[in-house]
Amino acid sequence: MSSRRTYKYHLKVDGRVVLSDITDDLDRREREHRRRWPTGRIEQVGEPTTHREAWDWKQRQLEERYGRTG
């Protein structure tokens, strides 16, 4: 059985989503993002999931936002 320890999140700056990504540590990732976006806040999306499910979600976010994956 796969472990459900991966978080999906949106990084918001001034209420606007600037990034959708995945991590295994939300607090650490928010600190890292604040180097670039000092007022940025992470908003968790859904419950922790498997890395594969989170990766698939991330790819869908990219497709929706940019019309392609990168």
C-alpha atoms as a PDB file:
ATOM      1  CA  MET A   1       0.000   0.000   0.000  1.00  0.00           C
ATOM      2  CA  SER A   2       1.292   3.467  -0.875  1.00  0.00           C
ATOM      3  CA  SER A   3       1.856   5.968   1.900  1.00  0.00           C
ATOM      4  CA  ARG A   4      -0.310   9.077   1.845  1.00  0.00           C
ATOM      5  CA  ARG A   5       2.230  11.664   2.959  1.00  0.00           C
ATOM      6  CA  THR A   6       2.280  14.061   0.030  1.00  0.00           C
ATOM      7  CA  TYR A   7       0.433  17.372   0.231  1.00  0.00           C
ATOM      8  CA  LYS A   8      -1.038  19.318  -2.673  1.00  0.00           C
ATOM      9  CA  TYR A   9      -1.048  23.072  -2.234  1.00  0.00           C
ATOM     10  CA  HIS A  10      -1.563  26.478  -3.782  1.00  0.00           C
ATOM     11  CA  LEU A  11       0.818  29.287  -2.933  1.00  0.00           C
ATOM     12  CA  LYS A  12      -1.154  32.517  -2.679  1.00  0.00           C
ATOM     13  CA  VAL A  13       0.161  36.066  -2.702  1.00  0.00           C
ATOM     14  CA  ASP A  14      -2.389  38.801  -2.023  1.00  0.00           C
ATOM     15  CA  GLY A  15      -5.176  36.254  -2.472  1.00  0.00           C
ATOM     16  CA  ARG A  16      -3.973  35.203  -5.926  1.00  0.00           C
ATOM     17  CA  VAL A  17      -2.656  31.718  -6.703  1.00  0.00           C
ATOM     18  CA  VAL A  18       0.889  32.095  -8.044  1.00  0.00           C
ATOM     19  CA  LEU A  19       1.888  28.434  -7.844  1.00  0.00           C
ATOM     20  CA  SER A  20       0.331  24.985  -7.469  1.00  0.00           C
ATOM     21  CA  ASP A  21       2.680  22.271  -6.299  1.00  0.00           C
ATOM     22  CA  ILE A  22       3.257  19.275  -4.027  1.00  0.00           C
ATOM     23  CA  THR A  23       5.455  18.660  -0.973  1.00  0.00           C
ATOM     24  CA  ASP A  24       5.979  16.321   1.950  1.00  0.00           C
ATOM     25  CA  ASP A  25       6.405  19.238   4.409  1.00  0.00           C
ATOM     26  CA  LEU A  26       4.095  22.251   4.117  1.00  0.00           C
ATOM     27  CA  ASP A  27       5.821  24.377   6.776  1.00  0.00           C
ATOM     28  CA  ARG A  28       9.290  23.935   5.295  1.00  0.00           C
ATOM     29  CA  ARG A  29       8.008  24.608   1.778  1.00  0.00           C
ATOM     30  CA  GLU A  30       6.252  27.807   2.858  1.00  0.00           C
ATOM     31  CA  ARG A  31       9.501  29.067   4.429  1.00  0.00           C
ATOM     32  CA  GLU A  32      11.343  28.301   1.174  1.00  0.00           C
ATOM     33  CA  HIS A  33       8.749  30.127  -0.933  1.00  0.00           C
ATOM     34  CA  ARG A  34       8.923  33.198   1.298  1.00  0.00           C
ATOM     35  CA  ARG A  35      12.421  33.871   0.022  1.00  0.00           C
ATOM     36  CA  ARG A  36      10.829  34.860  -3.292  1.00  0.00           C
ATOM     37  CA  TRP A  37       7.333  35.826  -2.098  1.00  0.00           C
ATOM     38  CA  PRO A  38       7.679  37.259   1.455  1.00  0.00           C
ATOM     39  CA  THR A  39       3.908  37.607   1.911  1.00  0.00           C
ATOM     40  CA  GLY A  40       3.090  34.237   0.322  1.00  0.00           C
ATOM     41  CA  ARG A  41       0.910  31.747   2.155  1.00  0.00           C
ATOM     42  CA  ILE A  42       0.373  28.073   1.416  1.00  0.00           C
ATOM     43  CA  GLU A  43      -3.186  26.787   1.214  1.00  0.00           C
ATOM     44  CA  GLN A  44      -3.442  22.994   1.437  1.00  0.00           C
ATOM     45  CA  VAL A  45      -5.658  21.390  -1.195  1.00  0.00           C
ATOM     46  CA  GLY A  46      -7.523  18.315   0.005  1.00  0.00           C
ATOM     47  CA  GLU A  47      -6.074  15.612   2.212  1.00  0.00           C
ATOM     48  CA  PRO A  48      -2.558  14.122   2.099  1.00  0.00           C
ATOM     49  CA  THR A  49      -2.283  11.625  -0.732  1.00  0.00           C
ATOM     50  CA  THR A  50       0.207   9.354  -2.456  1.00  0.00           C
ATOM     51  CA  HIS A  51       3.065  10.914  -4.367  1.00  0.00           C
ATOM     52  CA  ARG A  52       1.713   9.509  -7.659  1.00  0.00           C
ATOM     53  CA  GLU A  53      -1.773  10.953  -7.106  1.00  0.00           C
ATOM     54  CA  ALA A  54      -0.273  14.310  -6.097  1.00  0.00           C
ATOM     55  CA  TRP A  55       1.985  14.335  -9.171  1.00  0.00           C
ATOM     56  CA  ASP A  56      -1.010  13.672 -11.438  1.00  0.00           C
ATOM     57  CA  TRP A  57      -2.877  16.557  -9.767  1.00  0.00           C
ATOM     58  CA  LYS A  58       0.122  18.850 -10.317  1.00  0.00           C
ATOM     59  CA  GLN A  59       0.230  17.963 -14.011  1.00  0.00           C
ATOM     60  CA  ARG A  60      -3.503  18.742 -14.356  1.00  0.00           C
ATOM     61  CA  GLN A  61      -2.905  22.115 -12.673  1.00  0.00           C
ATOM     62  CA  LEU A  62      -0.186  22.927 -15.206  1.00  0.00           C
ATOM     63  CA  GLU A  63      -2.416  21.912 -18.105  1.00  0.00           C
ATOM     64  CA  GLU A  64      -5.257  24.086 -16.812  1.00  0.00           C
ATOM     65  CA  ARG A  65      -3.027  27.064 -16.200  1.00  0.00           C
ATOM     66  CA  TYR A  66      -0.768  26.913 -19.235  1.00  0.00           C
ATOM     67  CA  GLY A  67      -2.469  24.507 -21.617  1.00  0.00           C
ATOM     68  CA  ARG A  68       0.496  22.147 -21.460  1.00  0.00           C
ATOM     69  CA  THR A  69       2.734  20.327 -19.022  1.00  0.00           C
ATOM     70  CA  GLY A  70       6.240  21.438 -18.293  1.00  0.00           C
END
